[in-house]
Amino acid sequence: AQFSYAKSPHASAAVQRRQLDLLQ
């Protein structure tokens, strides 16, 4: 059991942060 979609296997934390900032 894991939390689904909690982490992207394709992007680093820094890239995810930039993506999230744009989305937000």
PDB file of all heavy atoms in Angstrom:
ATOM      1  N   ALA A   1       0.826  -1.206   0.000  1.00  0.00           N
ATOM      2  CA  ALA A   1       0.000   0.000   0.000  1.00  0.00           C
ATOM      3  C   ALA A   1       0.863   1.261   0.000  1.00  0.00           C
ATOM      4  O   ALA A   1       1.818   1.370   0.777  1.00  0.00           O
ATOM      5  CB  ALA A   1      -0.926   0.002   1.211  1.00  0.00           C
ATOM      6  N   GLN A   2       0.529   2.183  -0.862  1.00  0.00           N
ATOM      7  CA  GLN A   2       1.189   3.481  -0.937  1.00  0.00           C
ATOM      8  C   GLN A   2       0.138   4.542  -1.214  1.00  0.00           C
ATOM      9  O   GLN A   2      -0.985   4.239  -1.610  1.00  0.00           O
ATOM     10  CB  GLN A   2       2.241   3.499  -2.062  1.00  0.00           C
ATOM     11  CG  GLN A   2       3.388   2.527  -1.884  1.00  0.00           C
ATOM     12  CD  GLN A   2       4.332   2.913  -0.766  1.00  0.00           C
ATOM     13  OE1 GLN A   2       4.472   4.110  -0.452  1.00  0.00           O
ATOM     14  NE2 GLN A   2       4.989   1.926  -0.158  1.00  0.00           N
ATOM     15  N   PHE A   3       0.515   5.801  -1.004  1.00  0.00           N
ATOM     16  CA  PHE A   3      -0.352   6.909  -1.399  1.00  0.00           C
ATOM     17  C   PHE A   3      -0.213   7.103  -2.907  1.00  0.00           C
ATOM     18  O   PHE A   3       0.884   7.379  -3.398  1.00  0.00           O
ATOM     19  CB  PHE A   3       0.022   8.195  -0.664  1.00  0.00           C
ATOM     20  CG  PHE A   3      -0.247   8.161   0.813  1.00  0.00           C
ATOM     21  CD1 PHE A   3       0.798   8.040   1.711  1.00  0.00           C
ATOM     22  CD2 PHE A   3      -1.537   8.234   1.299  1.00  0.00           C
ATOM     23  CE1 PHE A   3       0.556   8.010   3.074  1.00  0.00           C
ATOM     24  CE2 PHE A   3      -1.789   8.207   2.654  1.00  0.00           C
ATOM     25  CZ  PHE A   3      -0.738   8.088   3.544  1.00  0.00           C
ATOM     26  N   SER A   4      -1.288   6.941  -3.620  1.00  0.00           N
ATOM     27  CA  SER A   4      -1.239   7.026  -5.080  1.00  0.00           C
ATOM     28  C   SER A   4      -0.866   8.432  -5.551  1.00  0.00           C
ATOM     29  O   SER A   4      -1.339   9.434  -4.994  1.00  0.00           O
ATOM     30  CB  SER A   4      -2.603   6.639  -5.676  1.00  0.00           C
ATOM     31  OG  SER A   4      -2.928   5.313  -5.340  1.00  0.00           O
ATOM     32  N   TYR A   5       0.004   8.498  -6.534  1.00  0.00           N
ATOM     33  CA  TYR A   5       0.381   9.746  -7.218  1.00  0.00           C
ATOM     34  C   TYR A   5       0.985  10.789  -6.283  1.00  0.00           C
ATOM     35  O   TYR A   5       0.948  11.977  -6.566  1.00  0.00           O
ATOM     36  CB  TYR A   5      -0.837  10.347  -7.945  1.00  0.00           C
ATOM     37  CG  TYR A   5      -1.576   9.351  -8.798  1.00  0.00           C
ATOM     38  CD1 TYR A   5      -2.864   8.953  -8.470  1.00  0.00           C
ATOM     39  CD2 TYR A   5      -0.974   8.793  -9.923  1.00  0.00           C
ATOM     40  CE1 TYR A   5      -3.542   8.018  -9.244  1.00  0.00           C
ATOM     41  CE2 TYR A   5      -1.640   7.858 -10.697  1.00  0.00           C
ATOM     42  CZ  TYR A   5      -2.920   7.474 -10.354  1.00  0.00           C
ATOM     43  OH  TYR A   5      -3.584   6.557 -11.117  1.00  0.00           O
ATOM     44  N   ALA A   6       1.562  10.355  -5.169  1.00  0.00           N
ATOM     45  CA  ALA A   6       2.176  11.321  -4.258  1.00  0.00           C
ATOM     46  C   ALA A   6       3.532  11.790  -4.766  1.00  0.00           C
ATOM     47  O   ALA A   6       4.022  12.836  -4.353  1.00  0.00           O
ATOM     48  CB  ALA A   6       2.329  10.700  -2.862  1.00  0.00           C
ATOM     49  N   LYS A   7       4.133  11.019  -5.666  1.00  0.00           N
ATOM     50  CA  LYS A   7       5.455  11.383  -6.154  1.00  0.00           C
ATOM     51  C   LYS A   7       5.550  11.069  -7.634  1.00  0.00           C
ATOM     52  O   LYS A   7       5.093  10.026  -8.096  1.00  0.00           O
ATOM     53  CB  LYS A   7       6.533  10.616  -5.385  1.00  0.00           C
ATOM     54  CG  LYS A   7       7.959  11.029  -5.733  1.00  0.00           C
ATOM     55  CD  LYS A   7       8.965  10.323  -4.834  1.00  0.00           C
ATOM     56  CE  LYS A   7      10.373  10.788  -5.129  1.00  0.00           C
ATOM     57  NZ  LYS A   7      11.366  10.121  -4.245  1.00  0.00           N
ATOM     58  N   SER A   8       6.159  11.977  -8.373  1.00  0.00           N
ATOM     59  CA  SER A   8       6.336  11.763  -9.805  1.00  0.00           C
ATOM     60  C   SER A   8       7.641  11.010 -10.056  1.00  0.00           C
ATOM     61  O   SER A   8       8.696  11.424  -9.566  1.00  0.00           O
ATOM     62  CB  SER A   8       6.372  13.097 -10.548  1.00  0.00           C
ATOM     63  OG  SER A   8       6.764  12.894 -11.897  1.00  0.00           O
ATOM     64  N   PRO A   9       7.601   9.927 -10.823  1.00  0.00           N
ATOM     65  CA  PRO A   9       8.843   9.212 -11.145  1.00  0.00           C
ATOM     66  C   PRO A   9       9.618   9.863 -12.282  1.00  0.00           C
ATOM     67  O   PRO A   9      10.706   9.416 -12.625  1.00  0.00           O
ATOM     68  CB  PRO A   9       8.315   7.830 -11.568  1.00  0.00           C
ATOM     69  CG  PRO A   9       6.973   8.101 -12.162  1.00  0.00           C
ATOM     70  CD  PRO A   9       6.410   9.267 -11.379  1.00  0.00           C
ATOM     71  N   HIS A  10       9.058  10.930 -12.869  1.00  0.00           N
ATOM     72  CA  HIS A  10       9.643  11.514 -14.070  1.00  0.00           C
ATOM     73  C   HIS A  10      10.272  12.885 -13.837  1.00  0.00           C
ATOM     74  O   HIS A  10      10.888  13.434 -14.759  1.00  0.00           O
ATOM     75  CB  HIS A  10       8.574  11.641 -15.160  1.00  0.00           C
ATOM     76  CG  HIS A  10       7.821  10.378 -15.418  1.00  0.00           C
ATOM     77  ND1 HIS A  10       8.405   9.238 -15.914  1.00  0.00           N
ATOM     78  CD2 HIS A  10       6.508  10.068 -15.219  1.00  0.00           C
ATOM     79  CE1 HIS A  10       7.500   8.290 -16.032  1.00  0.00           C
ATOM     80  NE2 HIS A  10       6.342   8.763 -15.619  1.00  0.00           N
ATOM     81  N   ALA A  11      10.135  13.468 -12.654  1.00  0.00           N
ATOM     82  CA  ALA A  11      10.639  14.833 -12.453  1.00  0.00           C
ATOM     83  C   ALA A  11      11.229  14.969 -11.060  1.00  0.00           C
ATOM     84  O   ALA A  11      10.761  14.353 -10.097  1.00  0.00           O
ATOM     85  CB  ALA A  11       9.516  15.845 -12.646  1.00  0.00           C
ATOM     86  N   SER A  12      12.253  15.791 -10.957  1.00  0.00           N
ATOM     87  CA  SER A  12      12.871  16.055  -9.663  1.00  0.00           C
ATOM     88  C   SER A  12      11.963  16.934  -8.818  1.00  0.00           C
ATOM     89  O   SER A  12      10.997  17.530  -9.317  1.00  0.00           O
ATOM     90  CB  SER A  12      14.213  16.755  -9.860  1.00  0.00           C
ATOM     91  OG  SER A  12      14.005  18.059 -10.408  1.00  0.00           O
ATOM     92  N   ALA A  13      12.300  17.040  -7.538  1.00  0.00           N
ATOM     93  CA  ALA A  13      11.503  17.882  -6.647  1.00  0.00           C
ATOM     94  C   ALA A  13      11.512  19.336  -7.101  1.00  0.00           C
ATOM     95  O   ALA A  13      10.499  20.037  -7.013  1.00  0.00           O
ATOM     96  CB  ALA A  13      12.025  17.757  -5.215  1.00  0.00           C
ATOM     97  N   ALA A  14      12.681  19.806  -7.596  1.00  0.00           N
ATOM     98  CA  ALA A  14      12.774  21.195  -8.039  1.00  0.00           C
ATOM     99  C   ALA A  14      11.876  21.449  -9.254  1.00  0.00           C
ATOM    100  O   ALA A  14      11.186  22.474  -9.327  1.00  0.00           O
ATOM    101  CB  ALA A  14      14.225  21.539  -8.376  1.00  0.00           C
ATOM    102  N   VAL A  15      11.890  20.515 -10.198  1.00  0.00           N
ATOM    103  CA  VAL A  15      11.035  20.667 -11.382  1.00  0.00           C
ATOM    104  C   VAL A  15       9.564  20.608 -10.986  1.00  0.00           C
ATOM    105  O   VAL A  15       8.737  21.398 -11.456  1.00  0.00           O
ATOM    106  CB  VAL A  15      11.365  19.572 -12.416  1.00  0.00           C
ATOM    107  CG1 VAL A  15      10.336  19.568 -13.543  1.00  0.00           C
ATOM    108  CG2 VAL A  15      12.766  19.792 -12.984  1.00  0.00           C
ATOM    109  N   GLN A  16       9.225  19.679 -10.098  1.00  0.00           N
ATOM    110  CA  GLN A  16       7.839  19.581  -9.638  1.00  0.00           C
ATOM    111  C   GLN A  16       7.402  20.857  -8.948  1.00  0.00           C
ATOM    112  O   GLN A  16       6.246  21.283  -9.085  1.00  0.00           O
ATOM    113  CB  GLN A  16       7.690  18.389  -8.692  1.00  0.00           C
ATOM    114  CG  GLN A  16       7.796  17.046  -9.375  1.00  0.00           C
ATOM    115  CD  GLN A  16       7.625  15.911  -8.390  1.00  0.00           C
ATOM    116  OE1 GLN A  16       6.536  15.728  -7.823  1.00  0.00           O
ATOM    117  NE2 GLN A  16       8.685  15.168  -8.155  1.00  0.00           N
ATOM    118  N   ARG A  17       8.301  21.475  -8.189  1.00  0.00           N
ATOM    119  CA  ARG A  17       7.959  22.724  -7.504  1.00  0.00           C
ATOM    120  C   ARG A  17       7.632  23.817  -8.509  1.00  0.00           C
ATOM    121  O   ARG A  17       6.676  24.569  -8.339  1.00  0.00           O
ATOM    122  CB  ARG A  17       9.114  23.141  -6.602  1.00  0.00           C
ATOM    123  CG  ARG A  17       8.900  24.405  -5.788  1.00  0.00           C
ATOM    124  CD  ARG A  17       7.831  24.234  -4.719  1.00  0.00           C
ATOM    125  NE  ARG A  17       6.556  24.786  -5.074  1.00  0.00           N
ATOM    126  CZ  ARG A  17       5.481  24.746  -4.282  1.00  0.00           C
ATOM    127  NH1 ARG A  17       5.552  24.161  -3.100  1.00  0.00           N
ATOM    128  NH2 ARG A  17       4.353  25.266  -4.673  1.00  0.00           N
ATOM    129  N   ARG A  18       8.427  23.902  -9.597  1.00  0.00           N
ATOM    130  CA  ARG A  18       8.162  24.918 -10.623  1.00  0.00           C
ATOM    131  C   ARG A  18       6.846  24.626 -11.333  1.00  0.00           C
ATOM    132  O   ARG A  18       6.062  25.540 -11.623  1.00  0.00           O
ATOM    133  CB  ARG A  18       9.321  24.974 -11.623  1.00  0.00           C
ATOM    134  CG  ARG A  18      10.634  25.495 -11.038  1.00  0.00           C
ATOM    135  CD  ARG A  18      11.576  25.966 -12.126  1.00  0.00           C
ATOM    136  NE  ARG A  18      11.932  24.901 -13.054  1.00  0.00           N
ATOM    137  CZ  ARG A  18      12.957  24.059 -12.878  1.00  0.00           C
ATOM    138  NH1 ARG A  18      13.705  24.166 -11.782  1.00  0.00           N
ATOM    139  NH2 ARG A  18      13.239  23.153 -13.787  1.00  0.00           N
ATOM    140  N   GLN A  19       6.615  23.337 -11.614  1.00  0.00           N
ATOM    141  CA  GLN A  19       5.349  22.969 -12.262  1.00  0.00           C
ATOM    142  C   GLN A  19       4.157  23.318 -11.362  1.00  0.00           C
ATOM    143  O   GLN A  19       3.143  23.849 -11.837  1.00  0.00           O
ATOM    144  CB  GLN A  19       5.347  21.468 -12.569  1.00  0.00           C
ATOM    145  CG  GLN A  19       6.326  21.055 -13.648  1.00  0.00           C
ATOM    146  CD  GLN A  19       6.400  19.533 -13.803  1.00  0.00           C
ATOM    147  OE1 GLN A  19       6.087  18.786 -12.872  1.00  0.00           O
ATOM    148  NE2 GLN A  19       6.821  19.081 -14.986  1.00  0.00           N
ATOM    149  N   LEU A  20       4.316  23.024 -10.094  1.00  0.00           N
ATOM    150  CA  LEU A  20       3.229  23.301  -9.158  1.00  0.00           C
ATOM    151  C   LEU A  20       2.997  24.795  -9.017  1.00  0.00           C
ATOM    152  O   LEU A  20       1.848  25.251  -8.941  1.00  0.00           O
ATOM    153  CB  LEU A  20       3.539  22.680  -7.796  1.00  0.00           C
ATOM    154  CG  LEU A  20       2.492  22.881  -6.703  1.00  0.00           C
ATOM    155  CD1 LEU A  20       1.150  22.290  -7.122  1.00  0.00           C
ATOM    156  CD2 LEU A  20       2.956  22.244  -5.387  1.00  0.00           C
ATOM    157  N   ASP A  21       4.066  25.583  -8.991  1.00  0.00           N
ATOM    158  CA  ASP A  21       3.910  27.031  -8.888  1.00  0.00           C
ATOM    159  C   ASP A  21       3.116  27.580 -10.067  1.00  0.00           C
ATOM    160  O   ASP A  21       2.246  28.452  -9.905  1.00  0.00           O
ATOM    161  CB  ASP A  21       5.283  27.705  -8.825  1.00  0.00           C
ATOM    162  CG  ASP A  21       5.972  27.493  -7.484  1.00  0.00           C
ATOM    163  OD1 ASP A  21       5.271  27.109  -6.518  1.00  0.00           O
ATOM    164  OD2 ASP A  21       7.198  27.678  -7.412  1.00  0.00           O
ATOM    165  N   LEU A  22       3.416  27.078 -11.273  1.00  0.00           N
ATOM    166  CA  LEU A  22       2.672  27.515 -12.453  1.00  0.00           C
ATOM    167  C   LEU A  22       1.202  27.118 -12.331  1.00  0.00           C
ATOM    168  O   LEU A  22       0.306  27.940 -12.584  1.00  0.00           O
ATOM    169  CB  LEU A  22       3.276  26.899 -13.715  1.00  0.00           C
ATOM    170  CG  LEU A  22       2.497  27.138 -15.020  1.00  0.00           C
ATOM    171  CD1 LEU A  22       2.386  28.625 -15.318  1.00  0.00           C
ATOM    172  CD2 LEU A  22       3.159  26.391 -16.175  1.00  0.00           C
ATOM    173  N   LEU A  23       0.963  25.878 -11.950  1.00  0.00           N
ATOM    174  CA  LEU A  23      -0.412  25.409 -11.814  1.00  0.00           C
ATOM    175  C   LEU A  23      -1.169  26.214 -10.770  1.00  0.00           C
ATOM    176  O   LEU A  23      -2.337  26.593 -10.966  1.00  0.00           O
ATOM    177  CB  LEU A  23      -0.413  23.927 -11.444  1.00  0.00           C
ATOM    178  CG  LEU A  23      -1.779  23.257 -11.276  1.00  0.00           C
ATOM    179  CD1 LEU A  23      -2.556  23.314 -12.584  1.00  0.00           C
ATOM    180  CD2 LEU A  23      -1.608  21.815 -10.822  1.00  0.00           C
ATOM    181  N   GLN A  24      -0.515  26.519  -9.651  1.00  0.00           N
ATOM    182  CA  GLN A  24      -1.177  27.267  -8.595  1.00  0.00           C
ATOM    183  C   GLN A  24      -1.453  28.705  -9.017  1.00  0.00           C
ATOM    184  O   GLN A  24      -2.475  29.280  -8.629  1.00  0.00           O
ATOM    185  CB  GLN A  24      -0.324  27.249  -7.319  1.00  0.00           C
ATOM    186  CG  GLN A  24      -0.108  25.849  -6.722  1.00  0.00           C
ATOM    187  CD  GLN A  24      -1.386  25.214  -6.224  1.00  0.00           C
ATOM    188  OE1 GLN A  24      -2.336  25.027  -6.981  1.00  0.00           O
ATOM    189  NE2 GLN A  24      -1.415  24.879  -4.953  1.00  0.00           N
TER     190      GLN A  24
END
